[in-house]
Amino acid sequence: MELRRLGRSGLAVSVVGLGCNNFGMRIDAEQTTAVVHAALDAGITLFDTADRYGTVPGTSEELLGRALGARRDDVVLATKFGKPMQGTNGEDFSARGSRRYVRRAVTASLRRLGTDHIDLLWMHEPDPATPVLETLEALDDLVTEGLVGYVGSSQFAAWQVTDADWVARTAGTTRFVGAQNKYSLLDRRAEEELLPACRALGIGLVPYFPLESGLLTGKYTAGAPAPAGSRLADPRFSGGLAGAPWAALDRLAAVATTYGVDLLDLAVGGLASEPGVASVIAGATTPEQVRANATAGQFRADPVLREQLARVVAPAPATLAR
């Protein structure tokens, strides 16, 4: 598995990361352990979760921490704070970027993960109620204390990423080294402003939902029901199948056939081929899916293919819920 630096930082992450949002929601503790161990065996080092993941917030962190066990220090353990937690972290006063809440959220995540430090902490979404300087200062304290290694943003617009970087540089606080945003071959909006901004600032882009809930794996067919057990067979996510961009999927499948690769190779390896992308976060519910994602991450698209992919895909389809 190829390792890459996350932006300007010294943090090395696997080019394919494991998204852990299925833990405690679609798979139980036993299945989670099987998926985590398969990822370790495949050379995946970046394990990405969040405090709100799981049917009950916090469950994903708990299951991931247990599954890693003695292998915890072999991986880059990443989690997020800043989304509503249904009271799990106490009252947040709708200011989840505040110094008070950041400290409380990280303390709770450390306990659930069963570790004394978080390698990479993402702010899950912007907090309009709190000045970004206050959040950055709180994060800087955590880095100084050794509770957090590096920090990044998630779901920030390009201007917010740029503003946070300017504020951090001006104030002398820890800067975001990564940006985790939705980016796939079916949703290329990140290329318009976010990816260029990240390249200019030395921030590594980490795409999430690169497989569009499985649409880019080739497992779904227009007019046919979703396969049993698949994500889009779940009533919570089935709306994504009804509005699927089948024409774009057909064009991508044709490109994959021309190059003699699977659609999954294009979906993962195509993104990994974009300059500025550090790691592609893909979720999984079985060891087989983990191994397939890891293999797909070995594919590289040359500049000609990257231009071709950009031409055959509509620039801005609807965003899937996260």
Protein backbone atom coordinates (compact mmCIF):
# COMPACT_ATOMS: atom_id res chain seq x y z
CA MET A 1 0.00 0.00 0.00
CA GLU A 2 1.39 3.39 -1.02
CA LEU A 3 1.87 5.94 1.75
CA ARG A 4 1.57 9.68 1.17
CA ARG A 5 2.19 12.76 3.28
CA LEU A 6 -0.94 14.58 4.32
CA GLY A 7 -0.41 17.99 2.80
CA ARG A 8 2.61 19.83 4.16
CA SER A 9 2.69 17.68 7.30
CA GLY A 10 4.97 14.83 8.23
CA LEU A 11 1.99 12.52 8.74
CA ALA A 12 2.05 9.54 6.36
CA VAL A 13 -1.32 8.01 5.44
CA SER A 14 -2.24 5.07 3.23
CA VAL A 15 -3.52 6.10 -0.19
CA VAL A 16 -6.72 4.17 0.61
CA GLY A 17 -8.24 4.79 4.02
CA LEU A 18 -11.02 2.92 5.80
CA GLY A 19 -14.16 4.91 6.50
CA CYS A 20 -15.71 3.65 9.73
CA ASN A 21 -19.21 5.14 9.48
CA ASN A 22 -20.72 1.65 9.07
CA PHE A 23 -19.45 0.51 12.46
CA GLY A 24 -22.31 0.33 14.92
CA MET A 25 -24.83 1.23 12.24
CA ARG A 26 -24.70 -1.42 9.51
CA ILE A 27 -22.32 -3.91 11.11
CA ASP A 28 -21.84 -5.15 14.69
CA ALA A 29 -18.73 -5.66 16.82
CA GLU A 30 -17.78 -9.01 15.31
CA GLN A 31 -18.13 -7.77 11.72
CA THR A 32 -16.29 -4.58 12.61
CA THR A 33 -13.32 -6.56 13.90
CA ALA A 34 -13.23 -8.65 10.72
CA VAL A 35 -13.24 -5.50 8.55
CA VAL A 36 -10.57 -3.77 10.63
CA HIS A 37 -8.27 -6.80 10.56
CA ALA A 38 -8.73 -7.15 6.80
CA ALA A 39 -7.76 -3.50 6.39
CA LEU A 40 -4.64 -3.98 8.49
CA ASP A 41 -3.70 -7.03 6.43
CA ALA A 42 -4.19 -5.02 3.22
CA GLY A 43 -1.77 -2.33 4.38
CA ILE A 44 -4.39 0.31 5.17
CA THR A 45 -3.12 2.59 7.91
CA LEU A 46 -5.67 5.44 7.94
CA PHE A 47 -8.80 4.59 9.96
CA ASP A 48 -11.34 7.39 9.84
CA THR A 49 -14.29 7.63 12.22
CA ALA A 50 -16.28 10.36 13.99
CA ASP A 51 -17.84 10.86 17.39
CA ARG A 52 -21.34 10.89 15.89
CA TYR A 53 -21.01 7.68 13.83
CA GLY A 54 -23.18 4.76 14.83
CA THR A 55 -26.89 4.30 15.42
CA VAL A 56 -26.05 5.62 18.89
CA PRO A 57 -23.43 8.39 18.63
CA GLY A 58 -20.02 7.20 19.79
CA THR A 59 -20.56 3.54 18.92
CA SER A 60 -18.22 3.57 15.92
CA GLU A 61 -15.38 4.97 18.02
CA GLU A 62 -15.93 2.32 20.69
CA LEU A 63 -16.01 -0.57 18.20
CA LEU A 64 -12.99 0.72 16.29
CA GLY A 65 -10.93 1.11 19.45
CA ARG A 66 -11.72 -2.44 20.55
CA ALA A 67 -11.05 -3.91 17.10
CA LEU A 68 -7.65 -2.24 16.82
CA GLY A 69 -6.60 -3.39 20.29
CA ALA A 70 -2.83 -3.85 20.48
CA ARG A 71 -2.48 -2.65 16.85
CA ARG A 72 -3.58 0.87 17.74
CA ASP A 73 -0.08 2.34 17.38
CA ASP A 74 0.33 0.75 13.94
CA VAL A 75 -2.29 3.06 12.42
CA VAL A 76 -3.24 6.68 11.91
CA LEU A 77 -6.35 6.99 14.05
CA ALA A 78 -8.59 9.81 12.88
CA THR A 79 -11.86 11.03 14.32
CA LYS A 80 -14.09 14.08 14.09
CA PHE A 81 -15.96 16.46 16.35
CA GLY A 82 -18.50 19.19 15.72
CA LYS A 83 -21.71 17.48 14.57
CA PRO A 84 -24.78 17.30 16.85
CA MET A 85 -24.37 14.44 19.33
CA GLN A 86 -27.89 14.18 20.77
CA GLY A 87 -26.53 15.13 24.18
CA THR A 88 -23.88 12.39 24.27
CA ASN A 89 -21.16 14.97 24.94
CA GLY A 90 -23.41 17.10 27.14
CA GLU A 91 -24.96 20.44 26.26
CA ASP A 92 -23.19 22.10 23.33
CA PHE A 93 -25.17 25.38 23.25
CA SER A 94 -25.03 25.14 19.42
CA ALA A 95 -21.39 26.22 19.57
CA ARG A 96 -19.49 23.05 18.85
CA GLY A 97 -16.33 24.89 17.86
CA SER A 98 -16.09 26.61 21.23
CA ARG A 99 -13.12 26.04 23.52
CA ARG A 100 -15.40 24.43 26.10
CA TYR A 101 -16.99 21.99 23.68
CA VAL A 102 -13.84 21.05 21.76
CA ARG A 103 -12.14 19.97 24.97
CA ARG A 104 -15.20 18.03 26.11
CA ALA A 105 -15.63 16.29 22.73
CA VAL A 106 -12.00 15.22 22.47
CA THR A 107 -11.92 13.93 26.05
CA ALA A 108 -14.98 11.78 25.28
CA SER A 109 -13.51 10.50 22.00
CA LEU A 110 -10.27 9.49 23.70
CA ARG A 111 -12.25 7.51 26.25
CA ARG A 112 -14.39 5.75 23.63
CA LEU A 113 -11.41 4.96 21.40
CA GLY A 114 -9.44 3.61 24.37
CA THR A 115 -6.34 5.64 23.54
CA ASP A 116 -4.32 8.51 24.99
CA HIS A 117 -3.98 10.42 21.73
CA ILE A 118 -5.71 11.03 18.41
CA ASP A 119 -3.41 11.13 15.40
CA LEU A 120 -5.68 13.25 13.21
CA LEU A 121 -8.64 15.28 14.46
CA TRP A 122 -11.11 16.71 11.96
CA MET A 123 -13.57 19.51 12.64
CA HIS A 124 -16.62 17.82 11.12
CA GLU A 125 -18.31 20.99 9.87
CA PRO A 126 -17.92 24.77 10.24
CA ASP A 127 -19.37 26.38 13.36
CA PRO A 128 -20.91 29.75 12.46
CA ALA A 129 -21.50 30.52 16.15
CA THR A 130 -17.82 30.48 17.14
CA PRO A 131 -14.93 32.54 15.75
CA VAL A 132 -12.56 30.20 13.96
CA LEU A 133 -9.67 31.66 15.98
CA GLU A 134 -11.21 30.34 19.21
CA THR A 135 -11.49 26.87 17.69
CA LEU A 136 -7.95 26.95 16.34
CA GLU A 137 -6.57 28.06 19.70
CA ALA A 138 -8.42 25.21 21.43
CA LEU A 139 -7.03 22.74 18.91
CA ASP A 140 -3.55 24.20 19.32
CA ASP A 141 -3.73 23.54 23.06
CA LEU A 142 -4.62 19.88 22.40
CA VAL A 143 -1.70 19.50 19.99
CA THR A 144 0.68 21.14 22.46
CA GLU A 145 -0.49 18.75 25.19
CA GLY A 146 0.06 15.73 22.94
CA LEU A 147 -3.59 14.69 22.95
CA VAL A 148 -3.88 15.37 19.21
CA GLY A 149 -1.22 15.04 16.53
CA TYR A 150 -2.65 16.93 13.55
CA VAL A 151 -5.87 18.77 12.75
CA GLY A 152 -7.99 19.18 9.63
CA SER A 153 -11.32 20.43 8.39
CA SER A 154 -14.27 18.50 7.00
CA GLN A 155 -17.02 19.86 4.78
CA PHE A 156 -15.51 23.35 4.74
CA ALA A 157 -15.94 25.42 1.58
CA ALA A 158 -12.78 26.59 -0.17
CA TRP A 159 -13.10 30.09 1.26
CA GLN A 160 -13.48 28.68 4.79
CA VAL A 161 -10.39 26.50 4.36
CA THR A 162 -8.46 29.54 3.12
CA ASP A 163 -9.77 31.79 5.89
CA ALA A 164 -8.88 29.26 8.60
CA ASP A 165 -5.38 28.92 7.20
CA TRP A 166 -4.87 32.70 7.16
CA VAL A 167 -6.17 33.03 10.73
CA ALA A 168 -3.90 30.22 11.94
CA ARG A 169 -0.82 31.65 10.25
CA THR A 170 -1.58 35.14 11.55
CA ALA A 171 -2.19 33.95 15.11
CA GLY A 172 0.61 31.40 15.12
CA THR A 173 -1.64 28.45 15.95
CA THR A 174 -1.69 24.93 14.56
CA ARG A 175 -2.85 24.93 10.92
CA PHE A 176 -5.18 22.47 9.24
CA VAL A 177 -3.11 19.99 7.23
CA GLY A 178 -6.02 18.14 5.64
CA ALA A 179 -9.47 18.78 4.19
CA GLN A 180 -12.02 15.96 4.06
CA ASN A 181 -14.81 16.69 1.59
CA LYS A 182 -17.19 14.84 -0.68
CA TYR A 183 -15.50 14.09 -3.98
CA SER A 184 -16.11 11.34 -6.51
CA LEU A 185 -16.16 10.75 -10.25
CA LEU A 186 -19.86 11.58 -10.09
CA ASP A 187 -19.42 14.73 -8.01
CA ARG A 188 -16.39 16.74 -9.07
CA ARG A 189 -17.31 20.07 -7.48
CA ALA A 190 -14.23 19.89 -5.26
CA GLU A 191 -12.13 20.49 -8.37
CA GLU A 192 -13.64 23.92 -8.97
CA GLU A 193 -12.23 25.79 -5.94
CA LEU A 194 -11.42 23.46 -3.04
CA LEU A 195 -8.74 21.30 -4.63
CA PRO A 196 -6.83 24.27 -6.11
CA ALA A 197 -6.97 26.04 -2.74
CA CYS A 198 -5.66 22.95 -0.95
CA ARG A 199 -2.80 22.60 -3.41
CA ALA A 200 -1.83 26.24 -2.96
CA LEU A 201 -1.93 26.04 0.85
CA GLY A 202 -0.23 22.66 1.23
CA ILE A 203 -3.37 20.97 2.54
CA GLY A 204 -4.03 17.35 1.61
CA LEU A 205 -7.49 16.56 0.26
CA VAL A 206 -9.09 13.39 1.60
CA PRO A 207 -12.24 12.54 -0.39
CA TYR A 208 -15.14 10.82 1.34
CA PHE A 209 -18.01 8.97 -0.40
CA PRO A 210 -15.77 8.17 -3.39
CA LEU A 211 -18.00 5.20 -4.28
CA GLU A 212 -21.29 7.12 -4.01
CA SER A 213 -22.83 4.49 -1.71
CA GLY A 214 -21.74 1.74 -4.08
CA LEU A 215 -22.98 3.25 -7.36
CA LEU A 216 -19.37 3.33 -8.56
CA THR A 217 -18.70 -0.32 -7.75
CA GLY A 218 -20.87 -1.64 -10.59
CA LYS A 219 -23.16 -3.60 -8.27
CA TYR A 220 -26.31 -1.64 -9.20
CA THR A 221 -28.27 -1.79 -12.46
CA ALA A 222 -30.83 0.67 -13.82
CA GLY A 223 -34.36 -0.58 -13.33
CA ALA A 224 -33.33 -3.43 -11.02
CA PRO A 225 -33.73 -3.55 -7.24
CA ALA A 226 -30.66 -3.05 -5.10
CA PRO A 227 -28.92 -6.33 -4.18
CA ALA A 228 -29.90 -7.66 -0.77
CA GLY A 229 -27.58 -6.40 1.93
CA SER A 230 -26.23 -3.50 -0.13
CA ARG A 231 -26.27 0.03 1.25
CA LEU A 232 -28.94 1.25 -1.17
CA ALA A 233 -31.19 -1.69 -0.28
CA ASP A 234 -31.45 -0.13 3.18
CA PRO A 235 -34.57 2.10 3.40
CA ARG A 236 -32.43 4.80 5.03
CA PHE A 237 -30.39 5.20 1.84
CA SER A 238 -32.61 3.82 -0.92
CA GLY A 239 -33.38 7.28 -2.30
CA GLY A 240 -29.90 7.33 -3.84
CA LEU A 241 -30.87 4.53 -6.22
CA ALA A 242 -33.97 6.25 -7.50
CA GLY A 243 -32.01 9.36 -8.45
CA ALA A 244 -28.89 7.64 -9.72
CA PRO A 245 -27.18 9.24 -12.77
CA TRP A 246 -27.35 6.12 -14.92
CA ALA A 247 -26.19 7.82 -18.11
CA ALA A 248 -22.99 9.04 -16.44
CA LEU A 249 -22.46 5.60 -14.90
CA ASP A 250 -22.77 3.98 -18.32
CA ARG A 251 -20.19 6.36 -19.76
CA LEU A 252 -17.78 5.64 -16.92
CA ALA A 253 -18.29 1.89 -17.31
CA ALA A 254 -17.44 2.23 -21.02
CA VAL A 255 -14.21 4.07 -20.15
CA ALA A 256 -13.30 1.35 -17.65
CA THR A 257 -13.85 -1.32 -20.29
CA THR A 258 -11.65 0.56 -22.74
CA TYR A 259 -8.81 0.62 -20.22
CA GLY A 260 -9.37 -2.98 -19.14
CA VAL A 261 -10.13 -2.14 -15.52
CA ASP A 262 -13.13 -2.31 -13.21
CA LEU A 263 -15.35 0.67 -12.46
CA LEU A 264 -14.11 0.44 -8.86
CA ASP A 265 -10.53 0.95 -10.09
CA LEU A 266 -11.56 4.18 -11.80
CA ALA A 267 -13.53 5.35 -8.77
CA VAL A 268 -10.71 4.90 -6.26
CA GLY A 269 -7.56 5.02 -8.36
CA GLY A 270 -8.88 7.87 -10.48
CA LEU A 271 -9.26 10.11 -7.44
CA ALA A 272 -5.93 8.96 -6.01
CA SER A 273 -4.31 10.08 -9.29
CA GLU A 274 -5.36 13.71 -8.80
CA PRO A 275 -2.49 15.91 -7.54
CA GLY A 276 -3.27 17.07 -4.03
CA VAL A 277 -5.28 14.00 -3.00
CA ALA A 278 -3.62 12.30 -0.04
CA SER A 279 -5.94 9.40 0.75
CA VAL A 280 -9.30 8.16 -0.52
CA ILE A 281 -11.64 7.18 2.31
CA ALA A 282 -13.85 4.22 1.39
CA GLY A 283 -16.27 2.47 3.72
CA ALA A 284 -16.77 -1.28 3.86
CA THR A 285 -18.98 -3.83 5.58
CA THR A 286 -17.04 -6.99 4.66
CA PRO A 287 -13.38 -8.02 4.42
CA GLU A 288 -13.91 -8.67 0.70
CA GLN A 289 -14.92 -5.05 0.14
CA VAL A 290 -11.86 -3.85 2.04
CA ARG A 291 -9.53 -5.94 -0.11
CA ALA A 292 -11.24 -4.78 -3.32
CA ASN A 293 -10.91 -1.12 -2.30
CA ALA A 294 -7.24 -1.57 -1.42
CA THR A 295 -6.55 -3.18 -4.78
CA ALA A 296 -8.42 -0.43 -6.63
CA GLY A 297 -6.18 2.11 -4.95
CA GLN A 298 -3.22 0.75 -6.88
CA PHE A 299 -4.64 1.93 -10.22
CA ARG A 300 -3.35 5.23 -11.57
CA ALA A 301 -4.98 7.35 -14.25
CA ASP A 302 -2.64 9.21 -16.57
CA PRO A 303 -3.37 12.84 -17.54
CA VAL A 304 -5.18 11.77 -20.72
CA LEU A 305 -7.53 9.49 -18.81
CA ARG A 306 -8.12 12.11 -16.12
CA GLU A 307 -9.20 14.60 -18.76
CA GLN A 308 -11.45 12.00 -20.33
CA LEU A 309 -13.11 11.25 -17.00
CA ALA A 310 -13.72 14.94 -16.41
CA ARG A 311 -15.47 15.24 -19.77
CA VAL A 312 -17.83 12.29 -19.38
CA VAL A 313 -19.21 13.14 -15.95
CA ALA A 314 -21.77 15.83 -15.12
CA PRO A 315 -20.14 18.41 -12.82
CA ALA A 316 -22.66 18.70 -9.96
CA PRO A 317 -25.18 15.95 -9.19
CA ALA A 318 -27.13 15.91 -5.94
CA THR A 319 -25.10 15.39 -2.75
CA LEU A 320 -25.76 12.22 -0.77
CA ALA A 321 -26.48 12.58 2.94
CA ARG A 322 -23.61 11.77 5.26
